[in-house]
Amino acid sequence: MPASHSRIEAADSAPGTLAEAGQFTDIVALMKDRLHGFSPAERRVAAIVLSDVPRAVEENIASLAARAGVSEPSVTRFCRAIGCRGVRDFKLKLAQCLVVGEAYLNADAEPATPDADLPAYWTPIMTDAHGALREVERRITPEDIQPAAAALAGAQQVITVGLGGSAATLAEEAQFRLFRYGVRVSCCPESYILRMTAATLGPGDLVLAISASGKTEELIEAVGLARAYGAQTIAITALASPLADAVDHALCVAVPETQDTLTPTSLRFAYLAIIDLLSAATGYALGPKARENLRRIKYTALNHRAGEVQEPLGD
């Protein structure tokens, strides 16, 4: 056996590698990581597969071998070198990688732009941001916001939470918005701490949960726990999601994932708009108390920084 084969098989069989992840092995990542350790024939097979993953999933071994310019046994040896039992097992793992969408597997994919003078990413980001805000206008009404804001204004303490991704930073943003109005608010950074915190809540307390999918089990369980102890709950989340069904006040939108894999999701624009609507409504519900807190913040900021430039109110 060539030395390169020994190195690959040893790496693939080592504890903790992708090959040990069972049926959920990311075979595409494994091929890319091990590419330079393959024999020349195996490298040609990997290159052909990576150039068009959907086609490689569908075609038979003879066709794959012909396109790579190798023998059929070379294809089989490649599949075993990458940690698979054979060609069938390799194609099964390869098909599982398609769940993320072909765009992520095509290194040359680039969306068309209607304006040749602009970079490809420019129009999708601007268009999707506008679309996200329009979705908020369509879905969210004052009748949705007002009761949730009243609950926030009357809460003894508020816990904002978002687990992972942009939800965590949005939960911090909600905390930053609300404390300016005098709301006693903290942000919970981690699922286990959230569960423990939820167990300490009771009537008069409130949890504001943020989740793009509305399916995060730890978050749903913690919200349910807080509610069982008498706390009120608000969610900014996806339409018809388990989290939306688990709270007292659900503020929901449906923003599709962007088609450009290299641009960030526009969902956060929608959630930021909802957070601003909710926090502003809370400020109006608190009235003089909120205004006095903002006055103090403004006074302190102006005395802390020299100059004539006025900072945004409340920021």
Protein backbone atom coordinates (compact mmCIF):
# COMPACT_ATOMS: atom_id res chain seq x y z
CA MET A 1 0.00 0.00 0.00
CA PRO A 2 1.40 3.44 -0.90
CA ALA A 3 2.51 5.58 2.00
CA SER A 4 -0.03 8.25 1.07
CA HIS A 5 -2.81 5.68 1.49
CA SER A 6 -1.53 4.74 4.94
CA ARG A 7 -1.46 8.36 6.03
CA ILE A 8 -5.00 9.01 4.80
CA GLU A 9 -6.49 5.86 6.31
CA ALA A 10 -4.70 6.46 9.59
CA ALA A 11 -6.00 10.02 9.73
CA ASP A 12 -9.51 8.95 8.79
CA SER A 13 -9.62 6.25 11.46
CA ALA A 14 -8.26 8.47 14.22
CA PRO A 15 -10.73 9.27 17.01
CA GLY A 16 -12.52 12.55 16.58
CA THR A 17 -12.04 12.84 12.80
CA LEU A 18 -14.87 13.31 10.32
CA ALA A 19 -14.65 9.67 9.33
CA GLU A 20 -15.69 8.72 12.85
CA ALA A 21 -18.86 10.81 12.64
CA GLY A 22 -20.80 7.92 11.13
CA GLN A 23 -23.53 8.58 8.61
CA PHE A 24 -23.23 12.36 9.06
CA THR A 25 -19.65 12.52 7.73
CA ASP A 26 -19.02 15.71 5.73
CA ILE A 27 -17.35 13.86 2.89
CA VAL A 28 -16.87 17.04 0.84
CA ALA A 29 -14.82 18.66 3.62
CA LEU A 30 -12.87 15.43 4.05
CA MET A 31 -11.97 15.32 0.35
CA LYS A 32 -10.81 18.92 0.38
CA ASP A 33 -8.75 18.44 3.56
CA ARG A 34 -7.07 15.24 2.29
CA LEU A 35 -6.67 16.23 -1.36
CA HIS A 36 -2.88 16.51 -1.38
CA GLY A 37 -2.48 13.18 0.42
CA PHE A 38 -4.13 11.16 -2.34
CA SER A 39 -2.34 9.29 -5.10
CA PRO A 40 -2.45 11.01 -8.53
CA ALA A 41 -5.34 8.78 -9.69
CA GLU A 42 -7.34 9.39 -6.51
CA ARG A 43 -6.68 13.10 -6.76
CA ARG A 44 -8.24 13.11 -10.23
CA VAL A 45 -11.32 11.34 -8.87
CA ALA A 46 -11.64 13.86 -6.03
CA ALA A 47 -11.26 16.78 -8.42
CA ILE A 48 -13.98 15.48 -10.73
CA VAL A 49 -16.35 14.85 -7.82
CA LEU A 50 -15.76 18.29 -6.29
CA SER A 51 -16.26 20.02 -9.64
CA ASP A 52 -19.89 18.81 -9.83
CA VAL A 53 -21.15 17.07 -6.70
CA PRO A 54 -24.79 16.58 -7.85
CA ARG A 55 -23.60 14.87 -11.04
CA ALA A 56 -21.20 12.62 -9.11
CA VAL A 57 -24.08 11.52 -6.87
CA GLU A 58 -26.18 10.46 -9.85
CA GLU A 59 -23.65 8.84 -12.19
CA ASN A 60 -22.41 5.25 -12.05
CA ILE A 61 -18.87 4.17 -11.32
CA ALA A 62 -18.03 3.62 -15.00
CA SER A 63 -19.04 7.16 -15.92
CA LEU A 64 -17.18 8.66 -12.96
CA ALA A 65 -14.05 6.68 -13.81
CA ALA A 66 -14.22 7.73 -17.46
CA ARG A 67 -14.54 11.43 -16.60
CA ALA A 68 -11.61 11.19 -14.18
CA GLY A 69 -9.51 9.23 -16.67
CA VAL A 70 -8.92 6.35 -14.23
CA SER A 71 -9.99 2.73 -13.89
CA GLU A 72 -13.08 1.63 -11.99
CA PRO A 73 -10.94 -0.10 -9.31
CA SER A 74 -9.18 3.27 -8.79
CA VAL A 75 -12.55 4.83 -7.98
CA THR A 76 -13.25 2.07 -5.48
CA ARG A 77 -9.82 2.52 -3.89
CA PHE A 78 -10.45 6.25 -3.64
CA CYS A 79 -13.75 5.67 -1.83
CA ARG A 80 -12.03 3.38 0.68
CA ALA A 81 -9.10 5.76 1.10
CA ILE A 82 -11.54 8.52 2.08
CA GLY A 83 -12.99 6.31 4.82
CA CYS A 84 -16.03 4.82 3.05
CA ARG A 85 -16.94 1.14 2.74
CA GLY A 86 -17.23 1.44 -1.02
CA VAL A 87 -18.70 3.44 -3.88
CA ARG A 88 -22.28 3.12 -2.65
CA ASP A 89 -21.40 4.34 0.85
CA PHE A 90 -19.37 7.19 -0.64
CA LYS A 91 -22.27 8.34 -2.84
CA LEU A 92 -24.66 8.16 0.11
CA LYS A 93 -22.44 10.46 2.19
CA LEU A 94 -21.97 12.70 -0.83
CA ALA A 95 -25.74 13.00 -1.30
CA GLN A 96 -26.11 14.05 2.35
CA CYS A 97 -23.83 17.02 1.65
CA LEU A 98 -26.37 18.32 -0.86
CA VAL A 99 -28.77 19.13 1.96
CA VAL A 100 -27.10 22.54 2.31
CA GLY A 101 -27.83 23.35 -1.34
CA GLU A 102 -25.76 23.20 -4.47
CA ALA A 103 -24.75 26.86 -4.26
CA TYR A 104 -22.50 26.12 -1.29
CA LEU A 105 -20.73 23.38 -3.25
CA ASN A 106 -20.06 25.47 -6.35
CA ALA A 107 -16.96 27.53 -5.79
CA ASP A 108 -17.63 29.51 -8.97
CA ALA A 109 -21.22 30.42 -8.11
CA GLU A 110 -21.83 34.15 -8.29
CA PRO A 111 -25.24 35.79 -8.53
CA ALA A 112 -26.05 37.93 -11.52
CA THR A 113 -26.24 41.66 -10.85
CA PRO A 114 -28.45 43.99 -12.89
CA ASP A 115 -25.87 46.76 -12.65
CA ALA A 116 -22.48 45.90 -14.13
CA ASP A 117 -20.89 48.83 -12.29
CA LEU A 118 -21.70 47.33 -8.89
CA PRO A 119 -20.11 44.31 -7.15
CA ALA A 120 -22.20 41.14 -7.23
CA TYR A 121 -22.96 41.35 -3.51
CA TRP A 122 -24.20 44.95 -3.55
CA THR A 123 -27.73 44.61 -4.93
CA PRO A 124 -28.63 41.38 -3.04
CA ILE A 125 -27.74 42.94 0.32
CA MET A 126 -29.65 46.17 -0.34
CA THR A 127 -32.64 44.42 -1.92
CA ASP A 128 -32.90 41.80 0.81
CA ALA A 129 -32.64 44.44 3.55
CA HIS A 130 -35.51 46.41 2.03
CA GLY A 131 -37.49 43.19 1.64
CA ALA A 132 -36.95 42.28 5.29
CA LEU A 133 -38.28 45.65 6.45
CA ARG A 134 -41.31 45.35 4.17
CA GLU A 135 -42.00 41.94 5.70
CA VAL A 136 -42.13 43.58 9.15
CA GLU A 137 -44.60 46.14 7.83
CA ARG A 138 -46.78 43.34 6.44
CA ARG A 139 -46.71 41.05 9.47
CA ILE A 140 -46.34 43.21 12.56
CA THR A 141 -49.07 45.59 13.70
CA PRO A 142 -49.47 47.91 16.70
CA GLU A 143 -51.95 45.35 18.05
CA ASP A 144 -49.03 42.87 18.18
CA ILE A 145 -46.53 45.29 19.69
CA GLN A 146 -48.60 47.11 22.31
CA PRO A 147 -49.49 44.16 24.59
CA ALA A 148 -45.91 42.89 24.51
CA ALA A 149 -44.59 46.37 25.32
CA ALA A 150 -47.04 46.71 28.19
CA ALA A 151 -45.73 43.43 29.59
CA LEU A 152 -42.15 44.69 29.32
CA ALA A 153 -43.01 48.02 30.95
CA GLY A 154 -44.66 46.26 33.87
CA ALA A 155 -42.04 43.56 34.42
CA GLN A 156 -39.94 43.49 37.58
CA GLN A 157 -37.04 42.05 35.60
CA VAL A 158 -36.51 41.07 31.96
CA ILE A 159 -34.20 38.37 30.59
CA THR A 160 -33.30 38.62 26.90
CA VAL A 161 -31.93 35.50 25.26
CA GLY A 162 -30.77 34.26 21.88
CA LEU A 163 -28.66 31.14 21.46
CA GLY A 164 -26.04 31.12 18.73
CA GLY A 165 -25.62 33.03 15.50
CA SER A 166 -27.14 36.46 15.14
CA ALA A 167 -29.79 35.66 17.77
CA ALA A 168 -27.22 36.10 20.54
CA THR A 169 -26.17 39.56 19.35
CA LEU A 170 -29.80 40.54 18.81
CA ALA A 171 -30.56 39.55 22.41
CA GLU A 172 -27.76 41.90 23.51
CA GLU A 173 -29.20 44.62 21.27
CA ALA A 174 -32.59 44.19 22.95
CA GLN A 175 -30.90 44.56 26.34
CA PHE A 176 -29.13 47.75 25.19
CA ARG A 177 -32.40 49.20 23.89
CA LEU A 178 -34.45 48.43 26.99
CA PHE A 179 -32.12 49.44 29.82
CA ARG A 180 -32.13 53.04 28.53
CA TYR A 181 -35.80 53.29 29.42
CA GLY A 182 -35.20 52.11 32.97
CA VAL A 183 -36.18 48.49 32.40
CA ARG A 184 -34.33 46.12 34.70
CA VAL A 185 -32.92 43.83 32.03
CA SER A 186 -30.08 41.36 31.60
CA CYS A 187 -28.96 39.14 28.73
CA CYS A 188 -28.49 35.41 29.26
CA PRO A 189 -25.54 34.15 27.20
CA GLU A 190 -25.75 30.37 27.45
CA SER A 191 -28.37 27.63 27.40
CA TYR A 192 -27.55 25.97 30.74
CA ILE A 193 -27.42 29.32 32.55
CA LEU A 194 -30.71 30.19 30.87
CA ARG A 195 -32.32 27.06 32.21
CA MET A 196 -31.12 27.81 35.73
CA THR A 197 -32.23 31.42 35.42
CA ALA A 198 -35.66 30.38 34.17
CA ALA A 199 -36.10 28.28 37.30
CA THR A 200 -35.63 31.39 39.46
CA LEU A 201 -38.28 33.49 37.69
CA GLY A 202 -41.84 34.05 38.77
CA PRO A 203 -44.87 36.31 38.39
CA GLY A 204 -43.73 39.80 37.44
CA ASP A 205 -40.70 38.55 35.48
CA LEU A 206 -40.41 38.26 31.70
CA VAL A 207 -38.32 36.40 29.13
CA LEU A 208 -37.75 37.92 25.68
CA ALA A 209 -36.53 35.12 23.39
CA ILE A 210 -35.08 35.60 19.91
CA SER A 211 -34.64 32.75 17.44
CA ALA A 212 -34.41 32.68 13.64
CA SER A 213 -35.73 29.14 13.36
CA GLY A 214 -37.95 28.99 16.44
CA LYS A 215 -36.89 25.36 16.82
CA THR A 216 -34.01 25.51 19.32
CA GLU A 217 -35.00 22.95 21.94
CA GLU A 218 -33.01 24.46 24.82
CA LEU A 219 -34.67 27.81 24.25
CA ILE A 220 -38.17 26.36 23.98
CA GLU A 221 -37.67 24.32 27.14
CA ALA A 222 -36.37 27.32 29.10
CA VAL A 223 -39.27 29.49 27.95
CA GLY A 224 -41.70 26.77 28.99
CA LEU A 225 -40.01 26.49 32.36
CA ALA A 226 -40.17 30.25 32.98
CA ARG A 227 -43.80 30.31 31.96
CA ALA A 228 -44.60 27.40 34.28
CA TYR A 229 -43.21 29.43 37.19
CA GLY A 230 -45.46 32.35 36.26
CA ALA A 231 -43.16 34.55 34.16
CA GLN A 232 -44.46 36.18 30.98
CA THR A 233 -42.81 35.38 27.67
CA ILE A 234 -42.25 37.16 24.34
CA ALA A 235 -40.64 35.73 21.23
CA ILE A 236 -39.26 37.36 18.10
CA THR A 237 -39.10 34.38 15.80
CA ALA A 238 -40.30 32.53 12.70
CA LEU A 239 -43.93 32.12 11.72
CA ALA A 240 -45.70 28.92 12.82
CA SER A 241 -42.68 27.77 14.83
CA PRO A 242 -42.63 25.79 18.10
CA LEU A 243 -41.23 28.82 19.93
CA ALA A 244 -44.04 31.03 18.63
CA ASP A 245 -46.54 28.54 20.04
CA ALA A 246 -44.75 28.40 23.40
CA VAL A 247 -44.93 32.09 24.40
CA ASP A 248 -47.54 34.61 25.50
CA HIS A 249 -46.65 37.17 22.82
CA ALA A 250 -45.25 36.03 19.46
CA LEU A 251 -43.83 38.61 17.04
CA CYS A 252 -43.23 36.63 13.87
CA VAL A 253 -41.95 37.24 10.34
CA ALA A 254 -40.94 35.01 7.43
CA VAL A 255 -37.75 36.17 5.69
CA PRO A 256 -36.31 33.72 3.13
CA GLU A 257 -32.64 32.83 3.12
CA THR A 258 -30.57 34.85 0.67
CA GLN A 259 -29.60 33.16 -2.59
CA ASP A 260 -26.05 34.52 -2.38
CA THR A 261 -24.15 32.23 -0.04
CA LEU A 262 -21.48 34.84 0.69
CA THR A 263 -23.81 37.55 1.95
CA PRO A 264 -25.26 37.64 5.48
CA THR A 265 -28.92 36.89 6.08
CA SER A 266 -31.27 39.85 5.91
CA LEU A 267 -33.41 38.41 8.72
CA ARG A 268 -31.53 40.44 11.30
CA PHE A 269 -32.78 43.66 9.67
CA ALA A 270 -36.33 42.48 10.29
CA TYR A 271 -35.56 41.49 13.88
CA LEU A 272 -33.77 44.77 14.57
CA ALA A 273 -36.84 46.66 13.34
CA ILE A 274 -39.08 44.61 15.64
CA ILE A 275 -36.73 45.23 18.57
CA ASP A 276 -36.84 48.97 17.88
CA LEU A 277 -40.64 48.96 17.62
CA LEU A 278 -40.96 46.94 20.82
CA SER A 279 -38.47 48.99 22.82
CA ALA A 280 -39.90 52.32 21.64
CA ALA A 281 -43.41 51.16 22.55
CA THR A 282 -42.06 50.16 25.96
CA GLY A 283 -40.59 53.64 26.38
CA TYR A 284 -43.94 55.22 25.54
CA ALA A 285 -45.67 52.90 28.01
CA LEU A 286 -43.24 53.93 30.76
CA GLY A 287 -43.65 57.62 29.92
CA PRO A 288 -41.97 60.03 32.39
CA LYS A 289 -39.76 57.31 33.88
CA ALA A 290 -38.29 56.50 30.47
CA ARG A 291 -37.78 60.15 29.58
CA GLU A 292 -35.96 60.82 32.86
CA ASN A 293 -33.63 57.89 32.27
CA LEU A 294 -32.87 59.10 28.75
CA ARG A 295 -32.27 62.63 30.09
CA ARG A 296 -29.76 61.30 32.60
CA ILE A 297 -27.99 59.25 29.93
CA LYS A 298 -27.85 62.23 27.58
CA TYR A 299 -26.59 64.55 30.30
CA THR A 300 -23.87 62.11 31.31
CA ALA A 301 -22.81 61.53 27.69
CA LEU A 302 -22.57 65.23 26.91
CA ASN A 303 -20.49 65.88 30.03
CA HIS A 304 -18.23 62.95 29.29
CA ARG A 305 -17.38 63.91 25.71
CA ALA A 306 -16.26 67.36 24.66
CA GLY A 307 -17.45 69.05 21.49
CA GLU A 308 -20.56 70.41 19.88
CA VAL A 309 -21.70 67.26 18.05
CA GLN A 310 -24.91 65.85 19.48
CA GLU A 311 -25.03 62.08 19.81
CA PRO A 312 -28.24 60.20 18.89
CA LEU A 313 -30.79 60.33 21.68
CA GLY A 314 -30.51 57.27 23.87
CA ASP A 315 -27.31 56.02 22.22
